[in-house]
Amino acid sequence: MSIEGSTVVITGGASGIGKGMGERFAAMGANVVIADLNLDGANEVAASIGGTARECDVSSDASVASLVNDTIADTGRIDYFFANAGVGVGGDITASDELWDLSLKVNVMGPVIAARHVVPHMQSNGGGTFVVTASAAGLTTGPVSFNYAVSKHAAVGVAEWLAINHGPTVKVHAICPTIVDTPMAPDFGEVMFQPLSVAEVVDSVVAGLDAGTFIIAPNEQPMAMFLAKAHDYDGFLSNLQHRVQGLGNS
């Protein structure tokens, strides 16, 4: 992973995992662009790491196009793009159309729109790295909100499609942590795993980029459950049904 001197763009960079990655990559010598709908927060993070802040609504094609074009105009290229912005709030089978729309616009169309503008640029420049912050809930559905789980499955699908159709010129990764100790954590209510720290997730991202693995999973449980799902889908569903029922009765 050659990060020193590279240009790194991180959406949702004003807090949580995005903030942690921005701090780490800046410390490694990257030119970091912190993009967020919360411009004040982006400015604060960028000022603390010597980076650049840009306002961006990841669900807007025009906003993402401005982010990409302005960054290229300033630095000449984008080497790493982290489609990290996401929303976690949601509900069960009664979740409203508005919540579904928000989840799909941010968690799915966010990476899609970013890829639309970033991947052709990377290909024309001989390569780059495109990273989607998905979730363990994108590998195996658990006791999280209906709209969140479905949208994160789709986010993994976006990354997989990009990897198949635009790799190896563009390296593509999907970050799939369990719950992380960020401002989004309370959205998930009672869960099966202890929250990861942001530092643990960032460590795994750096290691995953170095190793070139498509799925970057900061802890072992998601991949173990994913393999169990592939090996015995019915058994996997039965096991999760019992575990979810147990949470509800606790």
C-alpha atoms as a PDB file:
ATOM      1  CA  MET A   1       0.000   0.000   0.000  1.00  0.00           C
ATOM      2  CA  SER A   2       1.743   3.155  -1.228  1.00  0.00           C
ATOM      3  CA  ILE A   3      -0.122   5.925   0.565  1.00  0.00           C
ATOM      4  CA  GLU A   4       2.558   8.581   0.989  1.00  0.00           C
ATOM      5  CA  GLY A   5       1.997  11.466  -1.416  1.00  0.00           C
ATOM      6  CA  SER A   6      -1.242   9.983  -2.764  1.00  0.00           C
ATOM      7  CA  THR A   7      -4.593  11.754  -2.907  1.00  0.00           C
ATOM      8  CA  VAL A   8      -7.229  10.142  -0.697  1.00  0.00           C
ATOM      9  CA  VAL A   9     -10.891  11.176  -0.749  1.00  0.00           C
ATOM     10  CA  ILE A  10     -13.163  10.037   2.084  1.00  0.00           C
ATOM     11  CA  THR A  11     -16.901  10.672   2.090  1.00  0.00           C
ATOM     12  CA  GLY A  12     -18.575  10.746   5.475  1.00  0.00           C
ATOM     13  CA  GLY A  13     -15.198  11.870   6.754  1.00  0.00           C
ATOM     14  CA  ALA A  14     -16.369  14.245   9.472  1.00  0.00           C
ATOM     15  CA  SER A  15     -16.934  11.510  12.061  1.00  0.00           C
ATOM     16  CA  GLY A  16     -16.655   7.826  12.866  1.00  0.00           C
ATOM     17  CA  ILE A  17     -14.738   5.483  10.582  1.00  0.00           C
ATOM     18  CA  GLY A  18     -14.226   8.191   7.971  1.00  0.00           C
ATOM     19  CA  LYS A  19     -12.607  10.533  10.487  1.00  0.00           C
ATOM     20  CA  GLY A  20     -10.411   7.721  11.772  1.00  0.00           C
ATOM     21  CA  MET A  21      -9.247   6.796   8.269  1.00  0.00           C
ATOM     22  CA  GLY A  22      -8.551  10.438   7.456  1.00  0.00           C
ATOM     23  CA  GLU A  23      -6.390  10.831  10.535  1.00  0.00           C
ATOM     24  CA  ARG A  24      -4.473   7.623   9.821  1.00  0.00           C
ATOM     25  CA  PHE A  25      -3.865   8.294   6.133  1.00  0.00           C
ATOM     26  CA  ALA A  26      -2.764  11.873   6.793  1.00  0.00           C
ATOM     27  CA  ALA A  27      -0.282  10.535   9.355  1.00  0.00           C
ATOM     28  CA  MET A  28       0.990   8.172   6.639  1.00  0.00           C
ATOM     29  CA  GLY A  29       1.697  11.118   4.343  1.00  0.00           C
ATOM     30  CA  ALA A  30      -1.394  11.234   2.137  1.00  0.00           C
ATOM     31  CA  ASN A  31      -3.148  14.333   0.852  1.00  0.00           C
ATOM     32  CA  VAL A  32      -6.564  13.765   2.422  1.00  0.00           C
ATOM     33  CA  VAL A  33      -9.861  15.265   1.283  1.00  0.00           C
ATOM     34  CA  ILE A  34     -12.572  15.068   3.928  1.00  0.00           C
ATOM     35  CA  ALA A  35     -15.984  15.191   2.243  1.00  0.00           C
ATOM     36  CA  ASP A  36     -19.182  15.366   4.236  1.00  0.00           C
ATOM     37  CA  LEU A  37     -22.673  16.822   4.205  1.00  0.00           C
ATOM     38  CA  ASN A  38     -21.624  18.386   7.520  1.00  0.00           C
ATOM     39  CA  LEU A  39     -19.163  20.975   6.211  1.00  0.00           C
ATOM     40  CA  ASP A  40     -18.375  22.377   9.660  1.00  0.00           C
ATOM     41  CA  GLY A  41     -17.395  18.907  10.844  1.00  0.00           C
ATOM     42  CA  ALA A  42     -15.371  18.292   7.689  1.00  0.00           C
ATOM     43  CA  ASN A  43     -13.551  21.592   8.176  1.00  0.00           C
ATOM     44  CA  GLU A  44     -12.712  20.660  11.760  1.00  0.00           C
ATOM     45  CA  VAL A  45     -11.260  17.279  10.800  1.00  0.00           C
ATOM     46  CA  ALA A  46      -9.399  18.663   7.785  1.00  0.00           C
ATOM     47  CA  ALA A  47      -7.851  21.438   9.859  1.00  0.00           C
ATOM     48  CA  SER A  48      -6.633  18.947  12.456  1.00  0.00           C
ATOM     49  CA  ILE A  49      -4.870  16.730   9.874  1.00  0.00           C
ATOM     50  CA  GLY A  50      -3.712  19.318   7.350  1.00  0.00           C
ATOM     51  CA  GLY A  51      -6.209  18.153   4.756  1.00  0.00           C
ATOM     52  CA  THR A  52      -8.924  19.687   2.611  1.00  0.00           C
ATOM     53  CA  ALA A  53     -12.624  19.839   3.430  1.00  0.00           C
ATOM     54  CA  ARG A  54     -15.400  19.704   0.873  1.00  0.00           C
ATOM     55  CA  GLU A  55     -19.159  19.659   1.287  1.00  0.00           C
ATOM     56  CA  CYS A  56     -20.759  16.684  -0.443  1.00  0.00           C
ATOM     57  CA  ASP A  57     -24.158  15.021  -0.611  1.00  0.00           C
ATOM     58  CA  VAL A  58     -23.285  11.505  -1.756  1.00  0.00           C
ATOM     59  CA  SER A  59     -26.820  10.920  -3.049  1.00  0.00           C
ATOM     60  CA  SER A  60     -26.501  13.834  -5.512  1.00  0.00           C
ATOM     61  CA  ASP A  61     -24.771  13.243  -8.826  1.00  0.00           C
ATOM     62  CA  ALA A  62     -23.987  16.950  -9.193  1.00  0.00           C
ATOM     63  CA  SER A  63     -22.494  17.170  -5.688  1.00  0.00           C
ATOM     64  CA  VAL A  64     -20.277  14.110  -6.180  1.00  0.00           C
ATOM     65  CA  ALA A  65     -19.217  15.335  -9.631  1.00  0.00           C
ATOM     66  CA  SER A  66     -18.113  18.633  -8.070  1.00  0.00           C
ATOM     67  CA  LEU A  67     -16.170  16.794  -5.359  1.00  0.00           C
ATOM     68  CA  VAL A  68     -14.354  14.642  -7.909  1.00  0.00           C
ATOM     69  CA  ASN A  69     -13.715  17.391 -10.459  1.00  0.00           C
ATOM     70  CA  ASP A  70     -12.541  19.931  -7.876  1.00  0.00           C
ATOM     71  CA  THR A  71     -10.195  17.403  -6.284  1.00  0.00           C
ATOM     72  CA  ILE A  72      -8.689  16.464  -9.644  1.00  0.00           C
ATOM     73  CA  ALA A  73      -8.292  20.153 -10.521  1.00  0.00           C
ATOM     74  CA  ASP A  74      -6.428  20.730  -7.246  1.00  0.00           C
ATOM     75  CA  THR A  75      -4.266  17.602  -7.079  1.00  0.00           C
ATOM     76  CA  GLY A  76      -4.219  16.147 -10.591  1.00  0.00           C
ATOM     77  CA  ARG A  77      -5.592  12.760  -9.617  1.00  0.00           C
ATOM     78  CA  ILE A  78      -7.487  10.648  -7.096  1.00  0.00           C
ATOM     79  CA  ASP A  79      -5.559   7.579  -5.972  1.00  0.00           C
ATOM     80  CA  TYR A  80      -7.891   6.284  -3.256  1.00  0.00           C
ATOM     81  CA  PHE A  81     -11.610   6.917  -2.969  1.00  0.00           C
ATOM     82  CA  PHE A  82     -13.470   5.747   0.117  1.00  0.00           C
ATOM     83  CA  ALA A  83     -17.240   5.663  -0.439  1.00  0.00           C
ATOM     84  CA  ASN A  84     -17.706   5.679   3.303  1.00  0.00           C
ATOM     85  CA  ALA A  85     -20.802   7.807   3.974  1.00  0.00           C
ATOM     86  CA  GLY A  86     -23.698   5.782   5.287  1.00  0.00           C
ATOM     87  CA  VAL A  87     -26.864   5.855   7.357  1.00  0.00           C
ATOM     88  CA  GLY A  88     -27.936   3.280   9.917  1.00  0.00           C
ATOM     89  CA  VAL A  89     -31.295   4.447  11.178  1.00  0.00           C
ATOM     90  CA  GLY A  90     -34.237   2.291  10.216  1.00  0.00           C
ATOM     91  CA  GLY A  91     -36.820  -0.187  11.381  1.00  0.00           C
ATOM     92  CA  ASP A  92     -38.415  -3.553  10.987  1.00  0.00           C
ATOM     93  CA  ILE A  93     -41.017  -4.661   8.451  1.00  0.00           C
ATOM     94  CA  THR A  94     -42.991  -1.494   9.193  1.00  0.00           C
ATOM     95  CA  ALA A  95     -40.120   0.809   8.155  1.00  0.00           C
ATOM     96  CA  SER A  96     -41.469   3.743   6.180  1.00  0.00           C
ATOM     97  CA  ASP A  97     -40.899   4.482   2.511  1.00  0.00           C
ATOM     98  CA  GLU A  98     -38.919   7.531   3.623  1.00  0.00           C
ATOM     99  CA  LEU A  99     -36.484   5.400   5.614  1.00  0.00           C
ATOM    100  CA  TRP A 100     -36.107   2.944   2.741  1.00  0.00           C
ATOM    101  CA  ASP A 101     -35.471   5.821   0.350  1.00  0.00           C
ATOM    102  CA  LEU A 102     -32.799   7.295   2.640  1.00  0.00           C
ATOM    103  CA  SER A 103     -31.021   3.954   3.087  1.00  0.00           C
ATOM    104  CA  LEU A 104     -30.995   3.193  -0.628  1.00  0.00           C
ATOM    105  CA  LYS A 105     -29.976   6.718  -1.666  1.00  0.00           C
ATOM    106  CA  VAL A 106     -27.023   6.897   0.719  1.00  0.00           C
ATOM    107  CA  ASN A 107     -25.887   3.306   1.285  1.00  0.00           C
ATOM    108  CA  VAL A 108     -26.366   2.056  -2.285  1.00  0.00           C
ATOM    109  CA  MET A 109     -26.543   4.976  -4.682  1.00  0.00           C
ATOM    110  CA  GLY A 110     -23.759   6.768  -2.787  1.00  0.00           C
ATOM    111  CA  PRO A 111     -21.124   4.252  -3.937  1.00  0.00           C
ATOM    112  CA  VAL A 112     -22.798   3.879  -7.346  1.00  0.00           C
ATOM    113  CA  ILE A 113     -22.661   7.623  -8.046  1.00  0.00           C
ATOM    114  CA  ALA A 114     -19.099   7.854  -6.745  1.00  0.00           C
ATOM    115  CA  ALA A 115     -17.982   4.982  -8.979  1.00  0.00           C
ATOM    116  CA  ARG A 116     -19.657   6.635 -11.962  1.00  0.00           C
ATOM    117  CA  HIS A 117     -17.304   9.598 -11.618  1.00  0.00           C
ATOM    118  CA  VAL A 118     -14.209   8.095 -10.000  1.00  0.00           C
ATOM    119  CA  VAL A 119     -13.626   4.761 -11.741  1.00  0.00           C
ATOM    120  CA  PRO A 120     -13.268   6.163 -15.303  1.00  0.00           C
ATOM    121  CA  HIS A 121     -10.771   8.713 -13.955  1.00  0.00           C
ATOM    122  CA  MET A 122      -8.745   5.985 -12.241  1.00  0.00           C
ATOM    123  CA  GLN A 123      -8.756   3.832 -15.361  1.00  0.00           C
ATOM    124  CA  SER A 124      -7.533   6.724 -17.501  1.00  0.00           C
ATOM    125  CA  ASN A 125      -4.718   7.312 -15.015  1.00  0.00           C
ATOM    126  CA  GLY A 126      -3.582   3.704 -14.975  1.00  0.00           C
ATOM    127  CA  GLY A 127      -5.215   2.595 -11.750  1.00  0.00           C
ATOM    128  CA  GLY A 128      -6.487   3.439  -8.317  1.00  0.00           C
ATOM    129  CA  THR A 129      -8.321   2.027  -5.328  1.00  0.00           C
ATOM    130  CA  PHE A 130     -12.068   2.285  -4.697  1.00  0.00           C
ATOM    131  CA  VAL A 131     -13.366   1.232  -1.282  1.00  0.00           C
ATOM    132  CA  VAL A 132     -16.983   0.817  -0.188  1.00  0.00           C
ATOM    133  CA  THR A 133     -17.810   0.914   3.519  1.00  0.00           C
ATOM    134  CA  ALA A 134     -20.464  -1.803   3.701  1.00  0.00           C
ATOM    135  CA  SER A 135     -21.128  -3.852   6.843  1.00  0.00           C
ATOM    136  CA  ALA A 136     -21.128  -7.346   8.245  1.00  0.00           C
ATOM    137  CA  ALA A 137     -24.878  -6.970   7.734  1.00  0.00           C
ATOM    138  CA  GLY A 138     -24.098  -6.948   4.021  1.00  0.00           C
ATOM    139  CA  LEU A 139     -22.698 -10.475   4.267  1.00  0.00           C
ATOM    140  CA  THR A 140     -25.172 -12.083   6.644  1.00  0.00           C
ATOM    141  CA  THR A 141     -28.410 -10.506   7.815  1.00  0.00           C
ATOM    142  CA  GLY A 142     -28.788 -10.225  11.575  1.00  0.00           C
ATOM    143  CA  PRO A 143     -30.810  -8.326  14.161  1.00  0.00           C
ATOM    144  CA  VAL A 144     -30.389  -4.950  12.512  1.00  0.00           C
ATOM    145  CA  SER A 145     -32.956  -2.834  10.744  1.00  0.00           C
ATOM    146  CA  PHE A 146     -34.622  -4.251   7.643  1.00  0.00           C
ATOM    147  CA  ASN A 147     -33.685  -1.366   5.357  1.00  0.00           C
ATOM    148  CA  TYR A 148     -30.111  -1.232   6.674  1.00  0.00           C
ATOM    149  CA  ALA A 149     -29.446  -4.937   6.098  1.00  0.00           C
ATOM    150  CA  VAL A 150     -30.873  -4.907   2.580  1.00  0.00           C
ATOM    151  CA  SER A 151     -29.051  -1.723   1.582  1.00  0.00           C
ATOM    152  CA  LYS A 152     -25.731  -3.049   2.886  1.00  0.00           C
ATOM    153  CA  HIS A 153     -26.183  -6.305   0.974  1.00  0.00           C
ATOM    154  CA  ALA A 154     -26.606  -4.140  -2.101  1.00  0.00           C
ATOM    155  CA  ALA A 155     -23.499  -2.123  -1.182  1.00  0.00           C
ATOM    156  CA  VAL A 156     -21.435  -5.327  -1.151  1.00  0.00           C
ATOM    157  CA  GLY A 157     -22.977  -6.145  -4.531  1.00  0.00           C
ATOM    158  CA  VAL A 158     -21.900  -2.758  -5.896  1.00  0.00           C
ATOM    159  CA  ALA A 159     -18.321  -3.397  -4.790  1.00  0.00           C
ATOM    160  CA  GLU A 160     -18.350  -6.947  -6.161  1.00  0.00           C
ATOM    161  CA  TRP A 161     -19.631  -5.801  -9.559  1.00  0.00           C
ATOM    162  CA  LEU A 162     -16.966  -3.106  -9.736  1.00  0.00           C
ATOM    163  CA  ALA A 163     -14.233  -5.580  -8.792  1.00  0.00           C
ATOM    164  CA  ILE A 164     -15.305  -8.019 -11.491  1.00  0.00           C
ATOM    165  CA  ASN A 165     -15.854  -5.488 -14.254  1.00  0.00           C
ATOM    166  CA  HIS A 166     -13.132  -2.907 -13.529  1.00  0.00           C
ATOM    167  CA  GLY A 167     -10.431  -4.853 -11.751  1.00  0.00           C
ATOM    168  CA  PRO A 168      -7.581  -5.371 -11.607  1.00  0.00           C
ATOM    169  CA  THR A 169      -6.853  -1.891 -12.976  1.00  0.00           C
ATOM    170  CA  VAL A 170      -9.021  -0.448 -10.211  1.00  0.00           C
ATOM    171  CA  LYS A 171      -8.600  -2.295  -6.927  1.00  0.00           C
ATOM    172  CA  VAL A 172     -11.930  -2.617  -5.137  1.00  0.00           C
ATOM    173  CA  HIS A 173     -12.569  -3.459  -1.492  1.00  0.00           C
ATOM    174  CA  ALA A 174     -15.619  -3.731   0.765  1.00  0.00           C
ATOM    175  CA  ILE A 175     -15.217  -2.935   4.461  1.00  0.00           C
ATOM    176  CA  CYS A 176     -17.540  -5.197   6.475  1.00  0.00           C
ATOM    177  CA  PRO A 177     -17.297  -4.570  10.217  1.00  0.00           C
ATOM    178  CA  THR A 178     -19.814  -5.493  12.862  1.00  0.00           C
ATOM    179  CA  ILE A 179     -21.103  -2.639  15.047  1.00  0.00           C
ATOM    180  CA  VAL A 180     -18.515   0.123  15.513  1.00  0.00           C
ATOM    181  CA  ASP A 181     -18.330   2.558  18.411  1.00  0.00           C
ATOM    182  CA  THR A 182     -19.390   5.625  16.403  1.00  0.00           C
ATOM    183  CA  PRO A 183     -22.321   8.069  16.537  1.00  0.00           C
ATOM    184  CA  MET A 184     -24.280   5.559  14.403  1.00  0.00           C
ATOM    185  CA  ALA A 185     -23.998   2.749  16.982  1.00  0.00           C
ATOM    186  CA  PRO A 186     -27.161   3.637  18.960  1.00  0.00           C
ATOM    187  CA  ASP A 187     -29.216   3.208  15.762  1.00  0.00           C
ATOM    188  CA  PHE A 188     -28.739  -0.548  15.948  1.00  0.00           C
ATOM    189  CA  GLY A 189     -30.163  -1.222  19.402  1.00  0.00           C
ATOM    190  CA  GLU A 190     -29.378  -4.637  20.903  1.00  0.00           C
ATOM    191  CA  VAL A 191     -26.798  -6.575  18.903  1.00  0.00           C
ATOM    192  CA  MET A 192     -24.905  -9.853  19.055  1.00  0.00           C
ATOM    193  CA  PHE A 193     -21.379  -8.384  19.094  1.00  0.00           C
ATOM    194  CA  GLN A 194     -19.479  -5.945  21.266  1.00  0.00           C
ATOM    195  CA  PRO A 195     -18.803  -2.723  19.336  1.00  0.00           C
ATOM    196  CA  LEU A 196     -15.423  -2.431  17.642  1.00  0.00           C
ATOM    197  CA  SER A 197     -13.335   0.681  18.162  1.00  0.00           C
ATOM    198  CA  VAL A 198     -12.705   2.963  15.207  1.00  0.00           C
ATOM    199  CA  ALA A 199      -8.969   2.278  15.600  1.00  0.00           C
ATOM    200  CA  GLU A 200      -9.566  -1.477  15.203  1.00  0.00           C
ATOM    201  CA  VAL A 201     -11.486  -0.887  11.989  1.00  0.00           C
ATOM    202  CA  VAL A 202      -8.850   1.454  10.595  1.00  0.00           C
ATOM    203  CA  ASP A 203      -6.101  -1.048  11.443  1.00  0.00           C
ATOM    204  CA  SER A 204      -7.996  -3.689   9.484  1.00  0.00           C
ATOM    205  CA  VAL A 205      -8.472  -1.330   6.535  1.00  0.00           C
ATOM    206  CA  VAL A 206      -4.744  -0.636   6.309  1.00  0.00           C
ATOM    207  CA  ALA A 207      -3.979  -4.359   6.582  1.00  0.00           C
ATOM    208  CA  GLY A 208      -6.651  -5.261   4.020  1.00  0.00           C
ATOM    209  CA  LEU A 209      -5.393  -2.720   1.514  1.00  0.00           C
ATOM    210  CA  ASP A 210      -1.869  -4.083   1.968  1.00  0.00           C
ATOM    211  CA  ALA A 211      -3.051  -7.680   1.512  1.00  0.00           C
ATOM    212  CA  GLY A 212      -5.343  -6.854  -1.408  1.00  0.00           C
ATOM    213  CA  THR A 213      -8.324  -8.722   0.051  1.00  0.00           C
ATOM    214  CA  PHE A 214     -11.744  -7.830  -1.345  1.00  0.00           C
ATOM    215  CA  ILE A 215     -13.627  -8.220   1.939  1.00  0.00           C
ATOM    216  CA  ILE A 216     -12.032  -6.303   4.792  1.00  0.00           C
ATOM    217  CA  ALA A 217     -13.496  -7.719   8.008  1.00  0.00           C
ATOM    218  CA  PRO A 218     -12.037  -6.319  11.247  1.00  0.00           C
ATOM    219  CA  ASN A 219     -13.132  -9.360  13.274  1.00  0.00           C
ATOM    220  CA  GLU A 220     -13.519 -13.049  12.509  1.00  0.00           C
ATOM    221  CA  GLN A 221     -17.230 -13.554  13.167  1.00  0.00           C
ATOM    222  CA  PRO A 222     -18.618 -12.036   9.942  1.00  0.00           C
ATOM    223  CA  MET A 223     -16.500 -14.183   7.648  1.00  0.00           C
ATOM    224  CA  ALA A 224     -17.134 -17.306   9.742  1.00  0.00           C
ATOM    225  CA  MET A 225     -20.882 -16.675   9.516  1.00  0.00           C
ATOM    226  CA  PHE A 226     -20.591 -15.932   5.792  1.00  0.00           C
ATOM    227  CA  LEU A 227     -18.827 -19.245   5.192  1.00  0.00           C
ATOM    228  CA  ALA A 228     -21.397 -21.067   7.322  1.00  0.00           C
ATOM    229  CA  LYS A 229     -24.143 -19.464   5.256  1.00  0.00           C
ATOM    230  CA  ALA A 230     -22.540 -20.671   2.018  1.00  0.00           C
ATOM    231  CA  HIS A 231     -21.989 -24.164   3.410  1.00  0.00           C
ATOM    232  CA  ASP A 232     -25.445 -24.709   4.919  1.00  0.00           C
ATOM    233  CA  TYR A 233     -27.923 -21.927   4.179  1.00  0.00           C
ATOM    234  CA  ASP A 234     -30.845 -23.585   5.978  1.00  0.00           C
ATOM    235  CA  GLY A 235     -28.727 -24.267   9.050  1.00  0.00           C
ATOM    236  CA  PHE A 236     -27.459 -20.708   9.000  1.00  0.00           C
ATOM    237  CA  LEU A 237     -31.003 -19.319   8.897  1.00  0.00           C
ATOM    238  CA  SER A 238     -32.145 -21.605  11.705  1.00  0.00           C
ATOM    239  CA  ASN A 239     -29.203 -20.613  13.890  1.00  0.00           C
ATOM    240  CA  LEU A 240     -29.822 -16.896  13.337  1.00  0.00           C
ATOM    241  CA  GLN A 241     -33.531 -17.294  14.008  1.00  0.00           C
ATOM    242  CA  HIS A 242     -32.763 -18.785  17.419  1.00  0.00           C
ATOM    243  CA  ARG A 243     -30.166 -16.149  18.222  1.00  0.00           C
ATOM    244  CA  VAL A 244     -32.486 -13.292  17.255  1.00  0.00           C
ATOM    245  CA  GLN A 245     -35.314 -14.798  19.289  1.00  0.00           C
ATOM    246  CA  GLY A 246     -32.927 -15.058  22.226  1.00  0.00           C
ATOM    247  CA  LEU A 247     -32.083 -11.378  21.993  1.00  0.00           C
ATOM    248  CA  GLY A 248     -35.767 -10.522  21.971  1.00  0.00           C
ATOM    249  CA  ASN A 249     -36.392 -12.568  25.113  1.00  0.00           C
ATOM    250  CA  SER A 250     -33.417 -11.254  27.083  1.00  0.00           C
END
